[in-house]
């Protein structure tokens, strides 16, 4: 299972998305049961996309994340290409649809 890099500030998040051509940010909170159920599913899925770098953000630790990315609920998955958000999934994520979006993006960008 692939591991996530924990990002603890907006500066670290911005640097992570800009330094990695393809990145996925998983925004969560410790008391969120949906978050805890979704994270292992995302980790398993990401085995298929080795060129996507994985970042994890605890919204309780990075309180300004909500305003920075206009996040109103958790969990949120943001997929970025060269620092620009391309895919956003929030709260209830349909993994089959998310995989379809990732497949298209990965084929076109990671080629």
PDB file of N, CA and C in Angstrom:
ATOM      1  N   UNK A   1       0.842  -1.175   0.000  1.00  0.00           N
ATOM      2  CA  UNK A   1       0.000   0.000   0.000  1.00  0.00           C
ATOM      3  C   UNK A   1       0.893   1.246   0.000  1.00  0.00           C
ATOM      4  N   UNK A   2       0.569   2.199  -0.843  1.00  0.00           N
ATOM      5  CA  UNK A   2       1.372   3.423  -0.937  1.00  0.00           C
ATOM      6  C   UNK A   2       1.104   4.325   0.256  1.00  0.00           C
ATOM      7  N   UNK A   3       2.122   5.051   0.662  1.00  0.00           N
ATOM      8  CA  UNK A   3       1.961   5.937   1.810  1.00  0.00           C
ATOM      9  C   UNK A   3       1.801   7.385   1.351  1.00  0.00           C
ATOM     10  N   UNK A   4       1.219   8.166   2.226  1.00  0.00           N
ATOM     11  CA  UNK A   4       0.981   9.583   1.984  1.00  0.00           C
ATOM     12  C   UNK A   4       2.024  10.415   2.710  1.00  0.00           C
ATOM     13  N   UNK A   5       2.412  11.538   2.114  1.00  0.00           N
ATOM     14  CA  UNK A   5       3.261  12.519   2.778  1.00  0.00           C
ATOM     15  C   UNK A   5       2.341  13.441   3.556  1.00  0.00           C
ATOM     16  N   UNK A   6       2.573  13.573   4.853  1.00  0.00           N
ATOM     17  CA  UNK A   6       1.728  14.470   5.641  1.00  0.00           C
ATOM     18  C   UNK A   6       2.186  15.903   5.428  1.00  0.00           C
ATOM     19  N   UNK A   7       1.241  16.759   5.073  1.00  0.00           N
ATOM     20  CA  UNK A   7       1.517  18.162   4.799  1.00  0.00           C
ATOM     21  C   UNK A   7       0.880  18.991   5.905  1.00  0.00           C
ATOM     22  N   UNK A   8       1.684  19.852   6.549  1.00  0.00           N
ATOM     23  CA  UNK A   8       1.219  20.516   7.768  1.00  0.00           C
ATOM     24  C   UNK A   8       1.067  22.028   7.664  1.00  0.00           C
ATOM     25  N   UNK A   9       1.176  22.569   6.448  1.00  0.00           N
ATOM     26  CA  UNK A   9       0.974  24.008   6.271  1.00  0.00           C
ATOM     27  C   UNK A   9       0.556  24.284   4.833  1.00  0.00           C
ATOM     28  N   UNK A  10      -0.036  25.444   4.623  1.00  0.00           N
ATOM     29  CA  UNK A  10      -0.440  25.838   3.268  1.00  0.00           C
ATOM     30  C   UNK A  10       0.792  25.941   2.379  1.00  0.00           C
ATOM     31  N   UNK A  11       1.896  26.483   2.917  1.00  0.00           N
ATOM     32  CA  UNK A  11       3.126  26.587   2.123  1.00  0.00           C
ATOM     33  C   UNK A  11       3.617  25.212   1.690  1.00  0.00           C
ATOM     34  N   UNK A  12       3.584  24.246   2.599  1.00  0.00           N
ATOM     35  CA  UNK A  12       4.021  22.881   2.274  1.00  0.00           C
ATOM     36  C   UNK A  12       3.104  22.256   1.221  1.00  0.00           C
ATOM     37  N   UNK A  13       1.813  22.525   1.319  1.00  0.00           N
ATOM     38  CA  UNK A  13       0.847  21.990   0.353  1.00  0.00           C
ATOM     39  C   UNK A  13       1.105  22.585  -1.030  1.00  0.00           C
ATOM     40  N   UNK A  14       1.253  23.900  -1.083  1.00  0.00           N
ATOM     41  CA  UNK A  14       1.503  24.570  -2.370  1.00  0.00           C
ATOM     42  C   UNK A  14       2.807  24.090  -3.003  1.00  0.00           C
ATOM     43  N   UNK A  15       3.825  23.940  -2.197  1.00  0.00           N
ATOM     44  CA  UNK A  15       5.115  23.461  -2.691  1.00  0.00           C
ATOM     45  C   UNK A  15       4.995  22.027  -3.212  1.00  0.00           C
ATOM     46  N   UNK A  16       4.275  21.195  -2.475  1.00  0.00           N
ATOM     47  CA  UNK A  16       4.071  19.797  -2.862  1.00  0.00           C
ATOM     48  C   UNK A  16       3.379  19.702  -4.222  1.00  0.00           C
ATOM     49  N   UNK A  17       2.322  20.489  -4.423  1.00  0.00           N
ATOM     50  CA  UNK A  17       1.574  20.408  -5.681  1.00  0.00           C
ATOM     51  C   UNK A  17       2.356  21.011  -6.842  1.00  0.00           C
ATOM     52  N   UNK A  18       3.201  21.971  -6.562  1.00  0.00           N
ATOM     53  CA  UNK A  18       3.986  22.591  -7.637  1.00  0.00           C
ATOM     54  C   UNK A  18       5.234  21.782  -7.977  1.00  0.00           C
ATOM     55  N   UNK A  19       5.828  21.136  -6.980  1.00  0.00           N
ATOM     56  CA  UNK A  19       7.048  20.349  -7.202  1.00  0.00           C
ATOM     57  C   UNK A  19       6.774  18.989  -7.851  1.00  0.00           C
ATOM     58  N   UNK A  20       5.560  18.513  -7.744  1.00  0.00           N
ATOM     59  CA  UNK A  20       5.196  17.216  -8.316  1.00  0.00           C
ATOM     60  C   UNK A  20       4.227  17.445  -9.466  1.00  0.00           C
ATOM     61  N   UNK A  21       4.589  16.945 -10.623  1.00  0.00           N
ATOM     62  CA  UNK A  21       3.729  17.153 -11.800  1.00  0.00           C
ATOM     63  C   UNK A  21       2.314  16.665 -11.547  1.00  0.00           C
ATOM     64  N   UNK A  22       2.187  15.486 -10.969  1.00  0.00           N
ATOM     65  CA  UNK A  22       0.889  14.917 -10.613  1.00  0.00           C
ATOM     66  C   UNK A  22       0.824  14.708  -9.105  1.00  0.00           C
ATOM     67  N   UNK A  23      -0.208  15.226  -8.470  1.00  0.00           N
ATOM     68  CA  UNK A  23      -0.339  15.038  -7.030  1.00  0.00           C
ATOM     69  C   UNK A  23      -1.798  14.845  -6.647  1.00  0.00           C
ATOM     70  N   UNK A  24      -1.976  14.121  -5.569  1.00  0.00           N
ATOM     71  CA  UNK A  24      -3.294  13.903  -4.995  1.00  0.00           C
ATOM     72  C   UNK A  24      -3.226  14.348  -3.545  1.00  0.00           C
ATOM     73  N   UNK A  25      -4.179  15.177  -3.136  1.00  0.00           N
ATOM     74  CA  UNK A  25      -4.278  15.624  -1.755  1.00  0.00           C
ATOM     75  C   UNK A  25      -5.527  15.012  -1.143  1.00  0.00           C
ATOM     76  N   UNK A  26      -5.352  14.381   0.012  1.00  0.00           N
ATOM     77  CA  UNK A  26      -6.475  13.794   0.746  1.00  0.00           C
ATOM     78  C   UNK A  26      -6.651  14.631   2.003  1.00  0.00           C
ATOM     79  N   UNK A  27      -7.781  15.339   2.100  1.00  0.00           N
ATOM     80  CA  UNK A  27      -8.058  16.211   3.242  1.00  0.00           C
ATOM     81  C   UNK A  27      -9.049  15.499   4.145  1.00  0.00           C
ATOM     82  N   UNK A  28      -8.707  15.425   5.430  1.00  0.00           N
ATOM     83  CA  UNK A  28      -9.460  14.610   6.377  1.00  0.00           C
ATOM     84  C   UNK A  28      -9.498  15.282   7.746  1.00  0.00           C
ATOM     85  N   UNK A  29     -10.275  14.708   8.636  1.00  0.00           N
ATOM     86  CA  UNK A  29     -10.299  15.096  10.049  1.00  0.00           C
ATOM     87  C   UNK A  29     -10.266  13.809  10.879  1.00  0.00           C
ATOM     88  N   UNK A  30      -9.661  13.849  12.058  1.00  0.00           N
ATOM     89  CA  UNK A  30      -9.543  12.634  12.875  1.00  0.00           C
ATOM     90  C   UNK A  30     -10.877  11.986  13.246  1.00  0.00           C
ATOM     91  N   UNK A  31     -11.921  12.744  13.506  1.00  0.00           N
ATOM     92  CA  UNK A  31     -13.186  12.174  13.949  1.00  0.00           C
ATOM     93  C   UNK A  31     -14.139  11.820  12.825  1.00  0.00           C
ATOM     94  N   UNK A  32     -13.681  11.814  11.596  1.00  0.00           N
ATOM     95  CA  UNK A  32     -14.539  11.596  10.433  1.00  0.00           C
ATOM     96  C   UNK A  32     -14.531  10.119  10.037  1.00  0.00           C
ATOM     97  N   UNK A  33     -15.649   9.433  10.254  1.00  0.00           N
ATOM     98  CA  UNK A  33     -15.705   8.001   9.934  1.00  0.00           C
ATOM     99  C   UNK A  33     -15.660   7.760   8.430  1.00  0.00           C
ATOM    100  N   UNK A  34     -16.260   8.642   7.644  1.00  0.00           N
ATOM    101  CA  UNK A  34     -16.208   8.501   6.186  1.00  0.00           C
ATOM    102  C   UNK A  34     -14.755   8.611   5.713  1.00  0.00           C
ATOM    103  N   UNK A  35     -14.020   9.544   6.290  1.00  0.00           N
ATOM    104  CA  UNK A  35     -12.597   9.727   5.947  1.00  0.00           C
ATOM    105  C   UNK A  35     -11.805   8.451   6.220  1.00  0.00           C
ATOM    106  N   UNK A  36     -12.034   7.869   7.389  1.00  0.00           N
ATOM    107  CA  UNK A  36     -11.284   6.677   7.785  1.00  0.00           C
ATOM    108  C   UNK A  36     -11.629   5.471   6.918  1.00  0.00           C
ATOM    109  N   UNK A  37     -12.840   5.414   6.414  1.00  0.00           N
ATOM    110  CA  UNK A  37     -13.228   4.335   5.504  1.00  0.00           C
ATOM    111  C   UNK A  37     -12.662   4.549   4.102  1.00  0.00           C
ATOM    112  N   UNK A  38     -12.609   5.797   3.664  1.00  0.00           N
ATOM    113  CA  UNK A  38     -12.193   6.110   2.302  1.00  0.00           C
ATOM    114  C   UNK A  38     -10.680   6.034   2.100  1.00  0.00           C
ATOM    115  N   UNK A  39      -9.910   6.443   3.087  1.00  0.00           N
ATOM    116  CA  UNK A  39      -8.451   6.517   2.926  1.00  0.00           C
ATOM    117  C   UNK A  39      -7.825   5.201   2.456  1.00  0.00           C
ATOM    118  N   UNK A  40      -8.124   4.045   3.060  1.00  0.00           N
ATOM    119  CA  UNK A  40      -7.522   2.796   2.577  1.00  0.00           C
ATOM    120  C   UNK A  40      -7.951   2.434   1.149  1.00  0.00           C
ATOM    121  N   UNK A  41      -9.171   2.807   0.777  1.00  0.00           N
ATOM    122  CA  UNK A  41      -9.630   2.551  -0.583  1.00  0.00           C
ATOM    123  C   UNK A  41      -8.807   3.374  -1.584  1.00  0.00           C
ATOM    124  N   UNK A  42      -8.543   4.625  -1.230  1.00  0.00           N
ATOM    125  CA  UNK A  42      -7.737   5.493  -2.092  1.00  0.00           C
ATOM    126  C   UNK A  42      -6.303   4.964  -2.160  1.00  0.00           C
ATOM    127  N   UNK A  43      -5.750   4.557  -1.026  1.00  0.00           N
ATOM    128  CA  UNK A  43      -4.393   4.005  -1.013  1.00  0.00           C
ATOM    129  C   UNK A  43      -4.289   2.789  -1.928  1.00  0.00           C
ATOM    130  N   UNK A  44      -5.255   1.909  -1.876  1.00  0.00           N
ATOM    131  CA  UNK A  44      -5.253   0.720  -2.719  1.00  0.00           C
ATOM    132  C   UNK A  44      -5.360   1.101  -4.190  1.00  0.00           C
ATOM    133  N   UNK A  45      -6.262   2.006  -4.515  1.00  0.00           N
ATOM    134  CA  UNK A  45      -6.437   2.449  -5.888  1.00  0.00           C
ATOM    135  C   UNK A  45      -5.173   3.091  -6.442  1.00  0.00           C
ATOM    136  N   UNK A  46      -4.463   3.820  -5.626  1.00  0.00           N
ATOM    137  CA  UNK A  46      -3.307   4.583  -6.093  1.00  0.00           C
ATOM    138  C   UNK A  46      -2.119   3.707  -6.463  1.00  0.00           C
ATOM    139  N   UNK A  47      -2.188   2.403  -6.174  1.00  0.00           N
ATOM    140  CA  UNK A  47      -1.150   1.477  -6.651  1.00  0.00           C
ATOM    141  C   UNK A  47      -1.086   1.493  -8.174  1.00  0.00           C
ATOM    142  N   UNK A  48      -2.215   1.793  -8.810  1.00  0.00           N
ATOM    143  CA  UNK A  48      -2.299   1.815 -10.272  1.00  0.00           C
ATOM    144  C   UNK A  48      -1.739   3.085 -10.902  1.00  0.00           C
ATOM    145  N   UNK A  49      -1.381   4.066 -10.070  1.00  0.00           N
ATOM    146  CA  UNK A  49      -0.930   5.366 -10.575  1.00  0.00           C
ATOM    147  C   UNK A  49       0.364   5.790  -9.868  1.00  0.00           C
ATOM    148  N   UNK A  50       1.458   5.111 -10.160  1.00  0.00           N
ATOM    149  CA  UNK A  50       2.696   5.365  -9.414  1.00  0.00           C
ATOM    150  C   UNK A  50       3.297   6.762  -9.624  1.00  0.00           C
ATOM    151  N   UNK A  51       2.912   7.441 -10.683  1.00  0.00           N
ATOM    152  CA  UNK A  51       3.475   8.776 -10.938  1.00  0.00           C
ATOM    153  C   UNK A  51       2.728   9.878 -10.197  1.00  0.00           C
ATOM    154  N   UNK A  52       1.625   9.539  -9.538  1.00  0.00           N
ATOM    155  CA  UNK A  52       0.885  10.523  -8.746  1.00  0.00           C
ATOM    156  C   UNK A  52       1.434  10.494  -7.322  1.00  0.00           C
ATOM    157  N   UNK A  53       1.939  11.637  -6.856  1.00  0.00           N
ATOM    158  CA  UNK A  53       2.452  11.752  -5.498  1.00  0.00           C
ATOM    159  C   UNK A  53       1.290  12.019  -4.543  1.00  0.00           C
ATOM    160  N   UNK A  54       1.323  11.405  -3.367  1.00  0.00           N
ATOM    161  CA  UNK A  54       0.208  11.432  -2.434  1.00  0.00           C
ATOM    162  C   UNK A  54       0.494  12.318  -1.229  1.00  0.00           C
ATOM    163  N   UNK A  55      -0.419  13.252  -0.967  1.00  0.00           N
ATOM    164  CA  UNK A  55      -0.302  14.127   0.194  1.00  0.00           C
ATOM    165  C   UNK A  55      -1.534  14.000   1.079  1.00  0.00           C
ATOM    166  N   UNK A  56      -1.303  14.045   2.392  1.00  0.00           N
ATOM    167  CA  UNK A  56      -2.382  13.931   3.373  1.00  0.00           C
ATOM    168  C   UNK A  56      -2.415  15.208   4.208  1.00  0.00           C
ATOM    169  N   UNK A  57      -3.621  15.761   4.398  1.00  0.00           N
ATOM    170  CA  UNK A  57      -3.781  16.973   5.194  1.00  0.00           C
ATOM    171  C   UNK A  57      -4.839  16.734   6.260  1.00  0.00           C
ATOM    172  N   UNK A  58      -4.459  16.924   7.514  1.00  0.00           N
ATOM    173  CA  UNK A  58      -5.399  16.900   8.626  1.00  0.00           C
ATOM    174  C   UNK A  58      -5.962  18.317   8.729  1.00  0.00           C
ATOM    175  N   UNK A  59      -7.236  18.489   8.414  1.00  0.00           N
ATOM    176  CA  UNK A  59      -7.857  19.813   8.401  1.00  0.00           C
ATOM    177  C   UNK A  59      -7.861  20.464   9.777  1.00  0.00           C
ATOM    178  N   UNK A  60      -7.765  19.671  10.841  1.00  0.00           N
ATOM    179  CA  UNK A  60      -7.675  20.247  12.185  1.00  0.00           C
ATOM    180  C   UNK A  60      -6.311  20.894  12.421  1.00  0.00           C
ATOM    181  N   UNK A  61      -5.267  20.357  11.800  1.00  0.00           N
ATOM    182  CA  UNK A  61      -3.921  20.907  11.948  1.00  0.00           C
ATOM    183  C   UNK A  61      -3.673  22.087  11.015  1.00  0.00           C
ATOM    184  N   UNK A  62      -4.278  22.057   9.842  1.00  0.00           N
ATOM    185  CA  UNK A  62      -4.111  23.130   8.854  1.00  0.00           C
ATOM    186  C   UNK A  62      -5.475  23.796   8.690  1.00  0.00           C
ATOM    187  N   UNK A  63      -5.822  24.631   9.654  1.00  0.00           N
ATOM    188  CA  UNK A  63      -7.164  25.204   9.703  1.00  0.00           C
ATOM    189  C   UNK A  63      -7.474  26.103   8.508  1.00  0.00           C
ATOM    190  N   UNK A  64      -6.460  26.684   7.893  1.00  0.00           N
ATOM    191  CA  UNK A  64      -6.679  27.585   6.755  1.00  0.00           C
ATOM    192  C   UNK A  64      -6.927  26.838   5.445  1.00  0.00           C
ATOM    193  N   UNK A  65      -6.888  25.508   5.486  1.00  0.00           N
ATOM    194  CA  UNK A  65      -7.107  24.708   4.276  1.00  0.00           C
ATOM    195  C   UNK A  65      -8.498  24.955   3.693  1.00  0.00           C
ATOM    196  N   UNK A  66      -9.484  25.152   4.552  1.00  0.00           N
ATOM    197  CA  UNK A  66     -10.864  25.351   4.085  1.00  0.00           C
ATOM    198  C   UNK A  66     -10.959  26.578   3.185  1.00  0.00           C
ATOM    199  N   UNK A  67     -10.400  27.671   3.613  1.00  0.00           N
ATOM    200  CA  UNK A  67     -10.439  28.891   2.816  1.00  0.00           C
ATOM    201  C   UNK A  67      -9.545  28.825   1.600  1.00  0.00           C
ATOM    202  N   UNK A  68      -8.401  28.185   1.738  1.00  0.00           N
ATOM    203  CA  UNK A  68      -7.423  28.108   0.648  1.00  0.00           C
ATOM    204  C   UNK A  68      -7.969  27.332  -0.550  1.00  0.00           C
ATOM    205  N   UNK A  69      -8.686  26.251  -0.296  1.00  0.00           N
ATOM    206  CA  UNK A  69      -9.209  25.406  -1.372  1.00  0.00           C
ATOM    207  C   UNK A  69     -10.746  25.405  -1.454  1.00  0.00           C
ATOM    208  N   UNK A  70     -11.407  26.287  -0.715  1.00  0.00           N
ATOM    209  CA  UNK A  70     -12.882  26.324  -0.672  1.00  0.00           C
ATOM    210  C   UNK A  70     -13.455  24.945  -0.351  1.00  0.00           C
ATOM    211  N   UNK A  71     -13.001  24.403   0.765  1.00  0.00           N
ATOM    212  CA  UNK A  71     -13.447  23.093   1.237  1.00  0.00           C
ATOM    213  C   UNK A  71     -14.506  23.297   2.313  1.00  0.00           C
ATOM    214  N   UNK A  72     -15.664  22.670   2.132  1.00  0.00           N
ATOM    215  CA  UNK A  72     -16.767  22.839   3.066  1.00  0.00           C
ATOM    216  C   UNK A  72     -17.097  21.576   3.842  1.00  0.00           C
ATOM    217  N   UNK A  73     -16.486  20.460   3.474  1.00  0.00           N
ATOM    218  CA  UNK A  73     -16.732  19.186   4.142  1.00  0.00           C
ATOM    219  C   UNK A  73     -15.498  18.305   3.959  1.00  0.00           C
ATOM    220  N   UNK A  74     -15.412  17.257   4.727  1.00  0.00           N
ATOM    221  CA  UNK A  74     -14.357  16.255   4.535  1.00  0.00           C
ATOM    222  C   UNK A  74     -15.029  14.898   4.419  1.00  0.00           C
ATOM    223  N   UNK A  75     -14.415  13.943   3.802  1.00  0.00           N
ATOM    224  CA  UNK A  75     -13.126  14.017   3.128  1.00  0.00           C
ATOM    225  C   UNK A  75     -13.226  14.728   1.779  1.00  0.00           C
ATOM    226  N   UNK A  76     -12.084  15.249   1.357  1.00  0.00           N
ATOM    227  CA  UNK A  76     -11.955  15.845   0.030  1.00  0.00           C
ATOM    228  C   UNK A  76     -10.707  15.265  -0.613  1.00  0.00           C
ATOM    229  N   UNK A  77     -10.841  14.902  -1.872  1.00  0.00           N
ATOM    230  CA  UNK A  77      -9.705  14.450  -2.667  1.00  0.00           C
ATOM    231  C   UNK A  77      -9.508  15.472  -3.775  1.00  0.00           C
ATOM    232  N   UNK A  78      -8.300  16.025  -3.852  1.00  0.00           N
ATOM    233  CA  UNK A  78      -7.953  16.965  -4.912  1.00  0.00           C
ATOM    234  C   UNK A  78      -6.824  16.355  -5.720  1.00  0.00           C
ATOM    235  N   UNK A  79      -6.988  16.283  -7.017  1.00  0.00           N
ATOM    236  CA  UNK A  79      -5.930  15.803  -7.897  1.00  0.00           C
ATOM    237  C   UNK A  79      -5.461  17.004  -8.704  1.00  0.00           C
ATOM    238  N   UNK A  80      -4.143  17.252  -8.659  1.00  0.00           N
ATOM    239  CA  UNK A  80      -3.575  18.433  -9.297  1.00  0.00           C
ATOM    240  C   UNK A  80      -2.540  18.041 -10.339  1.00  0.00           C
ATOM    241  N   UNK A  81      -2.480  18.837 -11.395  1.00  0.00           N
ATOM    242  CA  UNK A  81      -1.445  18.714 -12.408  1.00  0.00           C
ATOM    243  C   UNK A  81      -0.681  20.025 -12.407  1.00  0.00           C
ATOM    244  N   UNK A  82       0.609  19.942 -12.092  1.00  0.00           N
ATOM    245  CA  UNK A  82       1.490  21.110 -12.024  1.00  0.00           C
ATOM    246  C   UNK A  82       0.871  22.223 -11.170  1.00  0.00           C
ATOM    247  N   UNK A  83       0.307  21.839 -10.027  1.00  0.00           N
ATOM    248  CA  UNK A  83      -0.231  22.798  -9.076  1.00  0.00           C
ATOM    249  C   UNK A  83      -1.656  23.241  -9.339  1.00  0.00           C
ATOM    250  N   UNK A  84      -2.251  22.819 -10.444  1.00  0.00           N
ATOM    251  CA  UNK A  84      -3.615  23.227 -10.780  1.00  0.00           C
ATOM    252  C   UNK A  84      -4.584  22.086 -10.509  1.00  0.00           C
ATOM    253  N   UNK A  85      -5.639  22.392  -9.752  1.00  0.00           N
ATOM    254  CA  UNK A  85      -6.654  21.383  -9.439  1.00  0.00           C
ATOM    255  C   UNK A  85      -7.394  20.959 -10.706  1.00  0.00           C
ATOM    256  N   UNK A  86      -7.433  19.634 -10.927  1.00  0.00           N
ATOM    257  CA  UNK A  86      -8.099  19.082 -12.100  1.00  0.00           C
ATOM    258  C   UNK A  86      -9.309  18.242 -11.700  1.00  0.00           C
ATOM    259  N   UNK A  87      -9.186  17.489 -10.624  1.00  0.00           N
ATOM    260  CA  UNK A  87     -10.283  16.634 -10.147  1.00  0.00           C
ATOM    261  C   UNK A  87     -10.544  16.962  -8.684  1.00  0.00           C
ATOM    262  N   UNK A  88     -11.823  17.045  -8.327  1.00  0.00           N
ATOM    263  CA  UNK A  88     -12.221  17.234  -6.925  1.00  0.00           C
ATOM    264  C   UNK A  88     -13.352  16.259  -6.618  1.00  0.00           C
ATOM    265  N   UNK A  89     -13.180  15.520  -5.552  1.00  0.00           N
ATOM    266  CA  UNK A  89     -14.215  14.629  -5.041  1.00  0.00           C
ATOM    267  C   UNK A  89     -14.390  14.954  -3.563  1.00  0.00           C
ATOM    268  N   UNK A  90     -15.636  14.991  -3.104  1.00  0.00           N
ATOM    269  CA  UNK A  90     -15.877  15.340  -1.704  1.00  0.00           C
ATOM    270  C   UNK A  90     -16.969  14.471  -1.091  1.00  0.00           C
ATOM    271  N   UNK A  91     -16.818  14.267   0.208  1.00  0.00           N
ATOM    272  CA  UNK A  91     -17.725  13.543   1.078  1.00  0.00           C
ATOM    273  C   UNK A  91     -17.973  12.098   0.644  1.00  0.00           C
ATOM    274  N   UNK A  92     -18.965  11.861  -0.191  1.00  0.00           N
ATOM    275  CA  UNK A  92     -19.244  10.501  -0.657  1.00  0.00           C
ATOM    276  C   UNK A  92     -18.589  10.342  -2.023  1.00  0.00           C
ATOM    277  N   UNK A  93     -17.542   9.533  -2.080  1.00  0.00           N
ATOM    278  CA  UNK A  93     -16.779   9.357  -3.311  1.00  0.00           C
ATOM    279  C   UNK A  93     -17.141   8.009  -3.921  1.00  0.00           C
ATOM    280  N   UNK A  94     -17.627   8.037  -5.140  1.00  0.00           N
ATOM    281  CA  UNK A  94     -17.918   6.814  -5.875  1.00  0.00           C
ATOM    282  C   UNK A  94     -16.616   6.373  -6.526  1.00  0.00           C
ATOM    283  N   UNK A  95     -16.022   5.340  -5.973  1.00  0.00           N
ATOM    284  CA  UNK A  95     -14.676   4.945  -6.381  1.00  0.00           C
ATOM    285  C   UNK A  95     -14.591   4.547  -7.850  1.00  0.00           C
ATOM    286  N   UNK A  96     -15.620   3.924  -8.398  1.00  0.00           N
ATOM    287  CA  UNK A  96     -15.572   3.539  -9.810  1.00  0.00           C
ATOM    288  C   UNK A  96     -15.541   4.762 -10.720  1.00  0.00           C
ATOM    289  N   UNK A  97     -16.316   5.793 -10.393  1.00  0.00           N
ATOM    290  CA  UNK A  97     -16.309   7.026 -11.182  1.00  0.00           C
ATOM    291  C   UNK A  97     -15.001   7.789 -11.001  1.00  0.00           C
ATOM    292  N   UNK A  98     -14.491   7.788  -9.768  1.00  0.00           N
ATOM    293  CA  UNK A  98     -13.216   8.440  -9.493  1.00  0.00           C
ATOM    294  C   UNK A  98     -12.094   7.755 -10.285  1.00  0.00           C
ATOM    295  N   UNK A  99     -12.132   6.430 -10.326  1.00  0.00           N
ATOM    296  CA  UNK A  99     -11.122   5.674 -11.090  1.00  0.00           C
ATOM    297  C   UNK A  99     -11.189   6.019 -12.572  1.00  0.00           C
ATOM    298  N   UNK A 100     -12.397   6.146 -13.123  1.00  0.00           N
ATOM    299  CA  UNK A 100     -12.544   6.522 -14.536  1.00  0.00           C
ATOM    300  C   UNK A 100     -11.898   7.882 -14.814  1.00  0.00           C
ATOM    301  N   UNK A 101     -12.135   8.842 -13.930  1.00  0.00           N
ATOM    302  CA  UNK A 101     -11.543  10.177 -14.092  1.00  0.00           C
ATOM    303  C   UNK A 101     -10.016  10.097 -14.021  1.00  0.00           C
ATOM    304  N   UNK A 102      -9.522   9.331 -13.038  1.00  0.00           N
ATOM    305  CA  UNK A 102      -8.069   9.175 -12.893  1.00  0.00           C
ATOM    306  C   UNK A 102      -7.453   8.501 -14.116  1.00  0.00           C
ATOM    307  N   UNK A 103      -8.116   7.469 -14.627  1.00  0.00           N
ATOM    308  CA  UNK A 103      -7.617   6.764 -15.811  1.00  0.00           C
ATOM    309  C   UNK A 103      -7.431   7.728 -16.978  1.00  0.00           C
ATOM    310  N   UNK A 104      -8.432   8.546 -17.249  1.00  0.00           N
ATOM    311  CA  UNK A 104      -8.360   9.513 -18.348  1.00  0.00           C
ATOM    312  C   UNK A 104      -7.237  10.510 -18.127  1.00  0.00           C
ATOM    313  N   UNK A 105      -7.178  11.059 -16.934  1.00  0.00           N
ATOM    314  CA  UNK A 105      -6.146  12.049 -16.620  1.00  0.00           C
ATOM    315  C   UNK A 105      -4.757  11.428 -16.735  1.00  0.00           C
ATOM    316  N   UNK A 106      -4.596  10.273 -16.139  1.00  0.00           N
ATOM    317  CA  UNK A 106      -3.280   9.617 -16.109  1.00  0.00           C
ATOM    318  C   UNK A 106      -2.804   9.264 -17.507  1.00  0.00           C
ATOM    319  N   UNK A 107      -3.710   8.780 -18.330  1.00  0.00           N
ATOM    320  CA  UNK A 107      -3.367   8.437 -19.703  1.00  0.00           C
ATOM    321  C   UNK A 107      -2.889   9.670 -20.468  1.00  0.00           C
ATOM    322  N   UNK A 108      -3.554  10.796 -20.271  1.00  0.00           N
ATOM    323  CA  UNK A 108      -3.226  12.021 -20.997  1.00  0.00           C
ATOM    324  C   UNK A 108      -2.010  12.776 -20.454  1.00  0.00           C
ATOM    325  N   UNK A 109      -1.789  12.674 -19.151  1.00  0.00           N
ATOM    326  CA  UNK A 109      -0.719  13.461 -18.545  1.00  0.00           C
ATOM    327  C   UNK A 109       0.532  12.650 -18.254  1.00  0.00           C
ATOM    328  N   UNK A 110       0.361  11.455 -17.724  1.00  0.00           N
ATOM    329  CA  UNK A 110       1.532  10.636 -17.349  1.00  0.00           C
ATOM    330  C   UNK A 110       2.016   9.784 -18.507  1.00  0.00           C
ATOM    331  N   UNK A 111       1.112   9.533 -19.444  1.00  0.00           N
ATOM    332  CA  UNK A 111       1.329   8.810 -20.655  1.00  0.00           C
ATOM    333  C   UNK A 111       2.289   7.726 -20.654  1.00  0.00           C
TER     334      UNK A 111
END
